[in-house]
Protein backbone atom coordinates (compact mmCIF):
# COMPACT_ATOMS: atom_id res chain seq x y z
CA UNK A 1 0.00 0.00 0.00
CA UNK A 2 1.35 3.41 -1.00
CA UNK A 3 1.58 6.10 1.63
CA UNK A 4 -0.42 9.29 1.32
CA UNK A 5 1.23 12.68 1.30
CA UNK A 6 -0.29 13.77 4.62
CA UNK A 7 -3.30 13.83 6.90
CA UNK A 8 -5.01 16.75 5.15
CA UNK A 9 -4.82 14.91 1.84
CA UNK A 10 -6.27 11.79 3.51
CA UNK A 11 -9.17 13.78 5.00
CA UNK A 12 -9.83 15.39 1.62
CA UNK A 13 -9.83 11.98 -0.08
CA UNK A 14 -12.19 10.40 2.46
CA UNK A 15 -14.59 13.34 2.20
CA UNK A 16 -14.47 13.25 -1.59
CA UNK A 17 -15.26 9.54 -1.65
CA UNK A 18 -18.06 9.93 0.90
CA UNK A 19 -19.69 12.87 -0.90
CA UNK A 20 -19.37 11.20 -4.31
CA UNK A 21 -21.03 8.03 -3.01
CA UNK A 22 -23.80 9.97 -1.24
CA UNK A 23 -24.58 11.63 -4.56
CA UNK A 24 -24.56 8.27 -6.35
CA UNK A 25 -21.71 9.17 -8.72
CA UNK A 26 -19.22 6.60 -9.93
CA UNK A 27 -15.58 7.63 -10.02
CA UNK A 28 -15.90 7.91 -13.80
CA UNK A 29 -18.91 10.21 -13.54
CA UNK A 30 -17.12 12.38 -11.00
CA UNK A 31 -14.06 12.52 -13.22
CA UNK A 32 -16.11 13.70 -16.22
CA UNK A 33 -17.91 16.33 -14.14
CA UNK A 34 -14.67 17.86 -12.83
CA UNK A 35 -12.53 17.38 -15.93
CA UNK A 36 -9.96 14.85 -14.72
CA UNK A 37 -9.25 11.17 -15.35
CA UNK A 38 -10.95 8.39 -13.41
CA UNK A 39 -7.57 7.25 -12.16
CA UNK A 40 -6.93 10.73 -10.76
CA UNK A 41 -10.20 10.58 -8.81
CA UNK A 42 -9.12 7.18 -7.45
CA UNK A 43 -5.73 8.56 -6.43
CA UNK A 44 -7.30 11.62 -4.74
CA UNK A 45 -9.73 9.42 -2.81
CA UNK A 46 -6.84 7.26 -1.61
CA UNK A 47 -4.90 10.35 -0.48
CA UNK A 48 -2.11 9.75 -2.99
CA UNK A 49 -2.67 12.76 -5.27
CA UNK A 50 -3.62 16.34 -4.46
CA UNK A 51 -5.98 18.33 -6.67
CA UNK A 52 -5.26 21.85 -7.86
CA UNK A 53 -7.25 24.76 -6.48
CA UNK A 54 -9.23 24.87 -9.74
CA UNK A 55 -10.11 21.18 -9.38
CA UNK A 56 -11.13 21.68 -5.74
CA UNK A 57 -13.44 24.50 -6.85
CA UNK A 58 -14.98 22.29 -9.56
CA UNK A 59 -15.48 19.46 -7.06
CA UNK A 60 -17.27 21.80 -4.63
CA UNK A 61 -19.40 23.22 -7.44
CA UNK A 62 -20.38 19.83 -8.89
CA UNK A 63 -21.19 18.35 -5.46
CA UNK A 64 -22.96 21.47 -4.16
CA UNK A 65 -20.79 21.49 -1.05
CA UNK A 66 -18.65 24.23 0.49
CA UNK A 67 -14.93 23.91 -0.18
CA UNK A 68 -14.10 23.86 3.55
CA UNK A 69 -16.19 20.72 4.14
CA UNK A 70 -13.65 18.66 2.19
CA UNK A 71 -10.88 19.63 4.62
CA UNK A 72 -12.66 18.91 7.94
CA UNK A 73 -12.70 15.46 9.46
CA UNK A 74 -16.31 14.34 9.00
CA UNK A 75 -17.04 17.57 7.14
CA UNK A 76 -20.42 16.36 5.95
CA UNK A 77 -21.54 14.90 9.28
CA UNK A 78 -21.22 17.91 11.57
CA UNK A 79 -24.53 18.39 13.39
CA UNK A 80 -25.19 21.52 15.40
CA UNK A 81 -27.14 19.67 18.11
CA UNK A 82 -23.98 17.73 19.00
CA UNK A 83 -21.92 20.86 19.68
CA UNK A 84 -21.65 23.23 22.63
CA UNK A 85 -22.76 26.83 22.11
CA UNK A 86 -19.20 27.98 21.56
CA UNK A 87 -18.59 25.23 19.01
CA UNK A 88 -21.81 26.20 17.18
CA UNK A 89 -20.69 29.83 17.02
CA UNK A 90 -17.23 28.82 15.79
CA UNK A 91 -18.76 26.48 13.20
CA UNK A 92 -21.17 29.15 11.93
CA UNK A 93 -18.37 31.72 11.77
CA UNK A 94 -16.27 29.28 9.77
CA UNK A 95 -19.21 28.70 7.40
CA UNK A 96 -19.65 32.46 6.93
CA UNK A 97 -15.95 33.05 6.32
CA UNK A 98 -15.76 30.19 3.85
CA UNK A 99 -18.90 31.38 2.08
CA UNK A 100 -17.35 34.82 1.74
CA UNK A 101 -14.17 33.26 0.35
CA UNK A 102 -16.20 31.12 -2.05
CA UNK A 103 -18.04 34.25 -3.19
CA UNK A 104 -14.78 36.11 -3.73
CA UNK A 105 -13.37 33.21 -5.72
CA UNK A 106 -16.52 33.12 -7.86
CA UNK A 107 -16.04 36.81 -8.69
CA UNK A 108 -12.49 36.31 -9.95
């Protein structure tokens, strides 16, 4: 088994695989949607290859998910009722900041 390039890349890969499966996309369908090869999707999901910023933006757009959610452990499973008030505020702030960043990127 090949080693990944780091924990962030592993988290990204797990979240990509989870989101893709939740949406019912095959790796080939995901690859076509974001403009990469199927093997590249496989390598990203295994944490072996890192996508470019442009590819990350396309992934977020095609999966209707905020960019930040791909970089948080369990990014798609965070439930507000499981957090303390401070954690909820921090989470919402992070969402707002990331939404602002996403909006700025969209304008460029």
